[in-house]
Structure formats: structure tokens, C-alpha cells
């Protein structure tokens, strides 16, 4: 029997809370919904589909506050509190947010409260809540503030789901609460013609974000094996492949891409080809791409935002699809992917071989399903392997 609906818990749920007198709150909440759940303007796009719920309107005609947030109904809950002057001056709302803070403040809590300071008075909400680091938007315009909010939340959600410890945390046995380690971006590039773009990305990440970077041999300690270190970082980081004219002709660039694909790591391609390539590298497909236009803040932000979104997609779908497979009662060997399957994916998974006793796997990947032209190729290489998406699971489960 599969996991019953009553026992099922979503892997991650986002709640957005704002005071009903804060008129801009609905617009900010809608942008968070479009970014993390579904873009209503592009209903067929490969969105994250993370559940997003709003808390603003009173729960009933007699109530003052909205419904309580049942944090434990999801494996991870993230509460985004849009703190403005209306909320600060309302004692009932102050208690509402403080109650959430108490439930999310434990060192081992899988849930988080993210207070967003929309005015300078936001820190007067509550003395204890104010000890948290707010996301500060009051010095930014509407467009810049909205972009900063979604970027920051994306990074923080990645850190919740991956939960990688900092070095200072090791050996403390949970006695001290540390924030999870920041996400590291592996900037893969050909020094012959991609160094300028790679250095621009590295500078932007260092000065404008709380992310970290791995920049090829410059970040390798002396005395360690180059190939081992490169593969280890490809497995642990998100790879940004700066695709220039020379990129595909460089052995180590190709190795880095293949390593990322083999390990199922997040990967994006920055298309910076100027004139053309003698031969394009065939394993750089099936991933998000962004066009390099210049070393402008707008372009650099687009690169880092896309890389972060792919890290979140990878972390979220790994847990979400595992939960969906249990709900569907899926038995046997299963593999959960954050991107649609391809031929290299099947090589990583490994199919049944004669005399091995290994049974075909069920491969679960995000909606929408592959078209027939791609599905025919992957099933020809791995006969018996079932390729399915969450919407198709009821037909393939059990």
C-alpha cells in the first residue's frame, strides 16, 4: 500500500503573511507565487510547482487574524513575513508572527521564518524576532526589491533543503545553531576565450551575493590531485558552463560537464559563443541556458539567478518526487530526477544487464512529459525502464 493522503506531507511549502492594510502585500505575494509555484502567464513552462499559500485575510468574520500556519504538515515550511508599519503597530499581528518565530527557532527545526523589512520600523515588530537577520527591502525600489526578495529566498530555500553544515558546525553535536553553508557555484570556462566572462561572474557573486564560487585550478590547494578535486567539486557544486568558441575543444571543460551530468548536479549553460564552434559538445543540452550579452549587472544577475533556480529545482524535486512515489505506492527500483531523462542519464542510472539480476527502474522526472520523439530514444536504449512524471504516476504506481 502506498502512503495514504492523510499521512502524506509535501516536501516544501511556502507561506506569505502580510497585514491586510498593507495594500502592496498582495502584489508581492503574487510575485512570490509566480516565481516558486506557477507563472500564470506561462502555464506550460517547466515551473517548480512549490505550494505557496497566503496568510492575510482574517480566518472568519469574527476573527482578527488569518488561519494559523500548521508548519509540521510539510517536511519543510518557509514563512515569509512582509513586515510593514501596519504590522508593527498591530499587537495581534506581532503575536501572530512571534508565535511562528518560536516554532521555527530551534536548532534542529526543518522550518524557517524569513522576516522582510519593508520599512525601517520593521525591526520594532518584536525584540526577539528582531534578532533574526531581516531581508531588507526598504532602500530598494519596487522592481529591484522584488528581484532581490526572490533571489534571496531562492538561496535560502536551497540551504534549507540541502542543509550542508559549515566547518564551524562540525563537532558541535547540534549544541550551537549555525546557518547551513551557502551554495557554491563552479564556474567552468576555457581560459583561451572565456576568462573575462568567468571573472566577471566571480566578481559579481563575491560582491553582490552571499554565494561562494569555485574557480578552477585557482581554488585548488597545492599537493592535491587535480582530477579528483575537480570531480568532487562537480558533484557538490552547481556548474555554470561558460560556453565560448573554444569551450568544447578543451578536455577539462568537457570533463567538468560530463562529471556534473554523471553526478546529477545542477548545471546551466551561459551561451557566450561569438563566432562559432568547429564541433559543439553534445552533452551540454537538456539544461537551462542564458545568453551572455555583456558584463552588465543585469546579465550577471540573470546568470546567478538561473543557477540558483536550478539548484533549488534539483534539491526540491529530489525530495518531492520521492514523496510522490511513496504516495502512489510505487514498488521496485526507482530513480528521481530534477530534469527530463536523456541518454547520459540512463548511463548514470544503469539498466538491467544479462545475468546481473538487476530489474528495470522507474524513472520519475518533473512535468511535462517528454515528447514521443525523445521518449522513443531513451526507451530504446533502456527497454523495460518506465519513464513517468507526477501526473502520470497513478497509471504507473502499485
Protein backbone atom coordinates (compact mmCIF):
# COMPACT_ATOMS: atom_id res chain seq x y z
CA UNK A 1 0.00 0.00 0.00
CA UNK A 2 1.22 3.48 -0.78
CA UNK A 3 1.35 6.34 1.67
CA UNK A 4 -2.22 7.49 2.35
CA UNK A 5 -3.34 11.04 1.62
CA UNK A 6 -3.84 11.62 5.34
CA UNK A 7 -0.21 10.68 6.06
CA UNK A 8 1.24 12.46 3.03
CA UNK A 9 3.29 15.59 3.74
CA UNK A 10 4.51 17.94 0.98
CA UNK A 11 8.28 18.21 0.85
CA UNK A 12 8.27 22.03 0.99
CA UNK A 13 5.53 24.64 1.45
CA UNK A 14 5.90 28.43 1.34
CA UNK A 15 3.58 30.78 3.25
CA UNK A 16 3.44 34.54 2.68
CA UNK A 17 1.98 36.61 5.51
CA UNK A 18 1.15 40.34 5.41
CA UNK A 19 -1.14 42.78 7.21
CA UNK A 20 -4.44 43.27 5.36
CA UNK A 21 -3.99 47.06 5.41
CA UNK A 22 -0.69 46.76 3.54
CA UNK A 23 -2.00 47.34 0.02
CA UNK A 24 1.17 46.28 -1.80
CA UNK A 25 1.25 42.95 0.03
CA UNK A 26 -0.93 41.09 -2.47
CA UNK A 27 1.31 42.12 -5.37
CA UNK A 28 4.47 40.95 -3.60
CA UNK A 29 2.79 37.67 -2.64
CA UNK A 30 1.67 37.15 -6.25
CA UNK A 31 5.24 37.59 -7.48
CA UNK A 32 6.48 35.02 -4.95
CA UNK A 33 3.75 32.64 -6.15
CA UNK A 34 4.71 33.13 -9.81
CA UNK A 35 8.41 32.57 -9.07
CA UNK A 36 8.16 29.47 -6.90
CA UNK A 37 4.86 27.83 -7.83
CA UNK A 38 3.45 28.62 -11.26
CA UNK A 39 3.71 31.51 -13.67
CA UNK A 40 0.11 32.08 -14.72
CA UNK A 41 1.38 33.86 -17.84
CA UNK A 42 3.29 30.74 -18.99
CA UNK A 43 1.19 27.76 -17.85
CA UNK A 44 3.16 25.20 -19.91
CA UNK A 45 6.61 26.22 -18.66
CA UNK A 46 8.68 23.81 -16.53
CA UNK A 47 7.97 25.57 -13.26
CA UNK A 48 8.98 24.47 -9.76
CA UNK A 49 5.42 23.94 -8.57
CA UNK A 50 6.27 24.51 -4.89
CA UNK A 51 2.99 25.08 -2.97
CA UNK A 52 2.56 28.73 -1.95
CA UNK A 53 -0.20 29.85 0.43
CA UNK A 54 -1.22 33.32 1.60
CA UNK A 55 -1.99 34.49 5.13
CA UNK A 56 -3.55 37.96 5.34
CA UNK A 57 -7.34 37.93 5.33
CA UNK A 58 -8.97 37.12 8.71
CA UNK A 59 -9.95 33.47 9.05
CA UNK A 60 -13.62 34.37 9.61
CA UNK A 61 -15.93 37.36 10.08
CA UNK A 62 -15.37 37.17 13.83
CA UNK A 63 -11.60 36.66 13.60
CA UNK A 64 -8.88 39.33 13.59
CA UNK A 65 -6.04 37.17 12.31
CA UNK A 66 -5.69 34.73 9.40
CA UNK A 67 -5.59 30.96 9.76
CA UNK A 68 -2.72 29.57 11.80
CA UNK A 69 0.15 28.01 9.88
CA UNK A 70 0.47 24.28 10.52
CA UNK A 71 4.22 24.07 9.95
CA UNK A 72 4.52 20.32 10.52
CA UNK A 73 2.03 19.48 7.78
CA UNK A 74 5.03 19.77 5.44
CA UNK A 75 8.51 18.34 5.84
CA UNK A 76 9.84 21.87 5.39
CA UNK A 77 7.82 25.08 5.80
CA UNK A 78 9.11 28.56 4.96
CA UNK A 79 7.15 31.56 6.23
CA UNK A 80 7.82 34.90 4.52
CA UNK A 81 6.56 37.71 6.76
CA UNK A 82 6.16 41.04 4.93
CA UNK A 83 6.70 43.42 7.83
CA UNK A 84 5.46 46.99 7.34
CA UNK A 85 4.31 49.73 9.72
CA UNK A 86 0.76 48.35 9.84
CA UNK A 87 2.01 45.02 11.14
CA UNK A 88 4.39 46.60 13.64
CA UNK A 89 1.61 48.76 15.16
CA UNK A 90 -0.84 45.84 15.45
CA UNK A 91 -0.27 43.87 18.68
CA UNK A 92 -2.30 40.89 17.43
CA UNK A 93 -0.17 40.57 14.31
CA UNK A 94 3.03 40.95 16.36
CA UNK A 95 1.94 37.99 18.49
CA UNK A 96 1.00 36.02 15.36
CA UNK A 97 4.49 36.40 13.85
CA UNK A 98 6.21 35.84 17.20
CA UNK A 99 4.35 32.54 17.61
CA UNK A 100 5.72 31.42 14.23
CA UNK A 101 9.22 32.52 15.26
CA UNK A 102 9.03 30.38 18.42
CA UNK A 103 8.13 27.29 16.37
CA UNK A 104 10.90 27.81 13.80
CA UNK A 105 13.74 28.98 16.05
CA UNK A 106 15.03 25.60 17.24
CA UNK A 107 18.47 24.45 16.17
CA UNK A 108 17.05 21.32 14.58
CA UNK A 109 13.85 22.81 13.16
CA UNK A 110 13.23 21.96 9.48
CA UNK A 111 11.16 25.16 9.19
CA UNK A 112 12.20 28.81 8.84
CA UNK A 113 10.72 32.28 9.32
CA UNK A 114 12.03 34.91 6.89
CA UNK A 115 11.05 38.40 8.08
CA UNK A 116 11.15 41.00 5.31
CA UNK A 117 11.76 44.61 6.37
CA UNK A 118 9.67 46.84 4.12
CA UNK A 119 10.22 49.92 6.31
CA UNK A 120 12.87 50.97 8.81
CA UNK A 121 10.34 50.47 11.61
CA UNK A 122 10.07 46.74 10.78
CA UNK A 123 12.67 45.85 13.42
CA UNK A 124 10.27 47.09 16.13
CA UNK A 125 7.94 44.15 15.46
CA UNK A 126 9.33 42.17 18.39
CA UNK A 127 12.61 42.30 20.27
CA UNK A 128 13.31 38.58 19.92
CA UNK A 129 12.18 38.33 16.31
CA UNK A 130 14.40 41.33 15.51
CA UNK A 131 17.43 39.21 16.46
CA UNK A 132 16.86 37.39 13.17
CA UNK A 133 18.53 38.84 10.10
CA UNK A 134 15.74 40.50 8.09
CA UNK A 135 15.66 40.63 4.31
CA UNK A 136 15.94 44.41 3.93
CA UNK A 137 13.98 45.92 1.05
CA UNK A 138 13.19 49.43 2.31
CA UNK A 139 16.14 51.01 0.46
CA UNK A 140 15.18 49.45 -2.89
CA UNK A 141 12.59 50.40 -5.48
CA UNK A 142 9.65 48.12 -6.22
CA UNK A 143 11.24 46.25 -9.15
CA UNK A 144 14.70 45.95 -7.56
CA UNK A 145 13.19 44.95 -4.21
CA UNK A 146 11.03 42.25 -5.78
CA UNK A 147 14.01 40.80 -7.63
CA UNK A 148 16.19 40.88 -4.51
CA UNK A 149 13.47 39.17 -2.47
CA UNK A 150 13.00 36.24 -4.86
CA UNK A 151 16.77 35.80 -5.31
CA UNK A 152 17.39 35.80 -1.56
CA UNK A 153 14.52 33.43 -0.87
CA UNK A 154 15.71 31.06 -3.59
CA UNK A 155 19.16 30.85 -2.00
CA UNK A 156 17.75 30.37 1.49
CA UNK A 157 15.36 27.62 0.37
CA UNK A 158 18.30 25.85 -1.28
CA UNK A 159 20.16 25.99 2.02
CA UNK A 160 17.20 24.59 3.94
CA UNK A 161 16.76 21.62 1.63
CA UNK A 162 20.45 20.80 1.15
CA UNK A 163 21.32 21.56 4.81
CA UNK A 164 25.06 21.34 4.30
CA UNK A 165 26.97 22.09 7.52
CA UNK A 166 29.53 24.84 7.88
CA UNK A 167 33.04 23.85 9.01
CA UNK A 168 32.49 25.58 12.38
CA UNK A 169 29.42 23.43 12.95
CA UNK A 170 31.26 20.13 12.68
CA UNK A 171 31.88 18.57 16.08
CA UNK A 172 29.34 20.73 17.95
CA UNK A 173 26.77 17.87 18.05
CA UNK A 174 23.93 20.34 17.50
CA UNK A 175 24.72 22.39 20.62
CA UNK A 176 25.07 25.59 18.61
CA UNK A 177 22.79 26.68 15.80
CA UNK A 178 24.60 27.58 12.59
CA UNK A 179 23.01 28.56 9.31
CA UNK A 180 23.61 25.98 6.56
CA UNK A 181 26.59 26.58 4.28
CA UNK A 182 25.99 28.86 1.29
CA UNK A 183 25.65 27.44 -2.22
CA UNK A 184 28.86 27.20 -4.25
CA UNK A 185 28.93 27.90 -7.99
CA UNK A 186 31.58 26.10 -10.06
CA UNK A 187 32.48 28.47 -12.92
CA UNK A 188 33.66 26.23 -15.76
CA UNK A 189 35.36 28.11 -18.60
CA UNK A 190 38.04 27.98 -21.29
CA UNK A 191 40.86 30.33 -20.39
CA UNK A 192 41.59 30.93 -24.06
CA UNK A 193 38.44 32.99 -24.62
CA UNK A 194 36.16 32.66 -21.58
CA UNK A 195 38.30 34.07 -18.77
CA UNK A 196 36.83 37.58 -18.99
CA UNK A 197 33.25 36.35 -18.64
CA UNK A 198 34.16 33.89 -15.86
CA UNK A 199 35.98 36.56 -13.84
CA UNK A 200 33.03 38.94 -14.22
CA UNK A 201 30.69 36.27 -12.82
CA UNK A 202 33.10 35.56 -9.98
CA UNK A 203 33.37 39.26 -9.04
CA UNK A 204 29.60 39.72 -9.12
CA UNK A 205 28.99 36.69 -6.90
CA UNK A 206 31.65 37.88 -4.42
CA UNK A 207 30.40 41.47 -4.16
CA UNK A 208 26.64 41.22 -4.72
CA UNK A 209 25.57 37.86 -3.24
CA UNK A 210 26.20 35.56 -0.28
CA UNK A 211 27.08 32.68 -2.62
CA UNK A 212 30.54 31.15 -2.99
CA UNK A 213 32.47 30.24 -6.13
CA UNK A 214 34.93 27.58 -7.23
CA UNK A 215 37.15 28.93 -9.97
CA UNK A 216 39.06 26.01 -11.44
CA UNK A 217 42.73 25.49 -10.56
CA UNK A 218 42.97 28.83 -8.71
CA UNK A 219 40.91 27.38 -5.87
CA UNK A 220 42.70 24.03 -5.63
CA UNK A 221 45.11 23.58 -2.72
CA UNK A 222 48.68 22.59 -3.69
CA UNK A 223 49.53 18.92 -3.37
CA UNK A 224 46.06 17.55 -4.18
CA UNK A 225 45.12 15.55 -7.25
CA UNK A 226 43.61 17.83 -9.88
CA UNK A 227 41.18 15.33 -11.39
CA UNK A 228 39.90 14.11 -8.02
CA UNK A 229 39.30 17.65 -6.79
CA UNK A 230 37.54 18.72 -10.00
CA UNK A 231 35.20 15.72 -9.89
CA UNK A 232 34.45 16.29 -6.21
CA UNK A 233 33.50 19.90 -6.81
CA UNK A 234 31.43 18.98 -9.85
CA UNK A 235 29.48 16.61 -7.60
CA UNK A 236 28.96 19.16 -4.78
CA UNK A 237 28.51 22.45 -6.64
CA UNK A 238 26.23 23.95 -9.25
CA UNK A 239 28.12 24.11 -12.54
CA UNK A 240 27.99 27.27 -14.66
CA UNK A 241 29.43 26.32 -18.04
CA UNK A 242 30.58 29.48 -19.87
CA UNK A 243 30.22 28.23 -23.43
CA UNK A 244 32.58 30.12 -25.72
CA UNK A 245 34.05 29.29 -29.13
CA UNK A 246 36.91 27.31 -27.55
CA UNK A 247 34.97 25.66 -24.72
CA UNK A 248 34.10 22.38 -26.43
CA UNK A 249 37.69 21.95 -27.65
CA UNK A 250 39.10 21.92 -24.08
CA UNK A 251 39.38 18.49 -22.47
CA UNK A 252 38.87 19.65 -18.89
CA UNK A 253 35.83 21.73 -19.80
CA UNK A 254 34.26 18.64 -21.33
CA UNK A 255 35.24 16.55 -18.28
CA UNK A 256 33.59 19.05 -15.94
CA UNK A 257 30.29 18.96 -17.85
CA UNK A 258 30.26 15.16 -18.04
CA UNK A 259 31.09 14.89 -14.33
CA UNK A 260 28.18 17.21 -13.46
CA UNK A 261 25.84 15.17 -15.65
CA UNK A 262 27.03 11.84 -14.22
CA UNK A 263 26.51 13.05 -10.65
CA UNK A 264 23.17 14.64 -11.48
CA UNK A 265 24.42 18.03 -10.30
CA UNK A 266 22.68 21.33 -11.14
CA UNK A 267 24.03 22.69 -14.41
CA UNK A 268 23.33 25.75 -16.56
CA UNK A 269 24.96 26.97 -19.78
CA UNK A 270 25.92 30.59 -20.39
CA UNK A 271 25.97 30.93 -24.17
CA UNK A 272 28.86 33.29 -24.96
CA UNK A 273 29.76 31.91 -28.42
CA UNK A 274 30.94 34.82 -30.58
CA UNK A 275 31.75 33.37 -33.99
CA UNK A 276 31.03 29.65 -33.89
CA UNK A 277 32.35 26.21 -32.96
CA UNK A 278 34.08 23.54 -35.02
CA UNK A 279 32.09 20.94 -33.08
CA UNK A 280 29.52 21.57 -30.37
CA UNK A 281 29.79 19.36 -27.30
CA UNK A 282 26.76 17.01 -27.38
CA UNK A 283 26.36 16.70 -23.58
CA UNK A 284 25.58 20.37 -22.89
CA UNK A 285 21.90 20.02 -23.76
CA UNK A 286 18.84 19.29 -21.63
CA UNK A 287 19.71 22.12 -19.22
CA UNK A 288 18.66 25.78 -18.85
CA UNK A 289 20.63 28.32 -20.87
CA UNK A 290 21.07 32.07 -20.74
CA UNK A 291 22.58 34.33 -23.39
CA UNK A 292 25.67 36.33 -22.42
CA UNK A 293 25.22 39.91 -23.64
CA UNK A 294 27.73 41.89 -21.57
CA UNK A 295 29.32 42.11 -18.14
CA UNK A 296 26.41 44.28 -17.02
CA UNK A 297 24.73 43.87 -13.64
CA UNK A 298 21.54 42.79 -15.41
CA UNK A 299 23.28 39.99 -17.33
CA UNK A 300 25.33 38.82 -14.34
CA UNK A 301 22.25 38.74 -12.15
CA UNK A 302 20.40 36.71 -14.78
CA UNK A 303 23.24 34.15 -14.75
CA UNK A 304 23.35 33.77 -10.96
CA UNK A 305 19.54 33.76 -10.62
CA UNK A 306 19.26 30.97 -13.20
CA UNK A 307 21.97 28.93 -11.46
CA UNK A 308 20.22 29.34 -8.09
CA UNK A 309 16.86 28.38 -9.57
CA UNK A 310 18.42 25.21 -10.94
CA UNK A 311 19.93 24.36 -7.54
CA UNK A 312 16.50 24.76 -5.96
CA UNK A 313 14.89 22.68 -8.70
CA UNK A 314 17.43 19.92 -8.08
CA UNK A 315 17.03 19.98 -4.28
CA UNK A 316 13.25 20.28 -4.31
CA UNK A 317 12.39 17.65 -6.89
CA UNK A 318 14.66 15.08 -5.31
CA UNK A 319 12.53 15.13 -2.17
CA UNK A 320 9.18 15.94 -3.79
CA UNK A 321 9.29 13.10 -6.32
CA UNK A 322 10.39 10.62 -3.67
CA UNK A 323 7.34 11.60 -1.60
CA UNK A 324 5.06 11.36 -4.66
CA UNK A 325 6.34 7.87 -5.48
CA UNK A 326 5.51 6.69 -1.97
CA UNK A 327 2.05 8.22 -2.23
CA UNK A 328 1.48 6.34 -5.49
CA UNK A 329 2.63 3.05 -3.91
CA UNK A 330 5.45 2.69 -6.41
CA UNK A 331 7.42 -0.53 -5.81
CA UNK A 332 10.82 -1.68 -7.04
CA UNK A 333 13.85 0.33 -8.06
CA UNK A 334 13.13 4.00 -8.72
CA UNK A 335 15.22 6.99 -9.68
CA UNK A 336 14.07 10.60 -9.11
CA UNK A 337 15.45 13.25 -11.48
CA UNK A 338 15.31 17.04 -11.36
CA UNK A 339 15.40 17.33 -15.15
CA UNK A 340 13.95 15.24 -18.01
CA UNK A 341 15.84 11.99 -18.74
CA UNK A 342 18.38 11.81 -21.57
CA UNK A 343 20.75 9.16 -22.90
CA UNK A 344 23.55 10.15 -20.48
CA UNK A 345 21.06 9.93 -17.61
CA UNK A 346 20.39 6.32 -18.43
CA UNK A 347 24.10 5.56 -18.41
CA UNK A 348 24.32 7.04 -14.90
CA UNK A 349 21.29 5.09 -13.70
CA UNK A 350 22.43 1.79 -15.14
CA UNK A 351 19.94 -0.58 -16.72
CA UNK A 352 19.40 -4.31 -16.43
CA UNK A 353 22.15 -6.47 -17.89
CA UNK A 354 22.15 -10.14 -18.69
CA UNK A 355 22.95 -12.20 -15.58
CA UNK A 356 23.10 -9.15 -13.29
CA UNK A 357 19.73 -9.77 -11.69
CA UNK A 358 19.05 -6.03 -11.79
CA UNK A 359 15.46 -5.17 -12.53
CA UNK A 360 14.40 -2.23 -14.73
CA UNK A 361 13.96 1.05 -12.88
CA UNK A 362 11.10 3.50 -12.82
CA UNK A 363 12.43 6.95 -13.66
CA UNK A 364 10.39 9.85 -12.27
CA UNK A 365 11.02 13.34 -13.62
CA UNK A 366 9.18 16.69 -13.47
CA UNK A 367 6.21 17.50 -15.70
CA UNK A 368 5.53 17.99 -18.57
CA UNK A 369 6.23 14.56 -20.10
CA UNK A 370 8.77 14.11 -22.87
CA UNK A 371 7.51 14.16 -26.45
CA UNK A 372 7.33 10.91 -28.39
CA UNK A 373 10.48 11.71 -30.38
CA UNK A 374 12.62 11.84 -27.20
CA UNK A 375 10.78 9.06 -25.39
CA UNK A 376 11.41 6.63 -28.26
CA UNK A 377 15.16 7.22 -27.99
CA UNK A 378 15.51 6.75 -24.23
CA UNK A 379 13.27 3.68 -24.09
CA UNK A 380 15.14 2.08 -26.99
CA UNK A 381 18.37 2.35 -25.02
CA UNK A 382 16.77 1.10 -21.78
CA UNK A 383 14.00 -1.37 -22.66
CA UNK A 384 11.68 -2.09 -19.78
CA UNK A 385 12.51 1.16 -17.97
CA UNK A 386 9.39 3.15 -17.12
CA UNK A 387 9.59 6.91 -17.64
CA UNK A 388 6.93 8.81 -15.72
CA UNK A 389 6.05 12.23 -14.30
CA UNK A 390 3.97 13.04 -11.20
CA UNK A 391 0.79 13.44 -13.26
CA UNK A 392 1.36 10.01 -14.83
CA UNK A 393 2.22 8.25 -11.54
CA UNK A 394 -1.33 6.99 -10.83
CA UNK A 395 -1.11 4.97 -14.06
CA UNK A 396 2.36 3.59 -13.27
CA UNK A 397 2.23 3.06 -9.49
CA UNK A 398 1.39 -0.03 -7.48
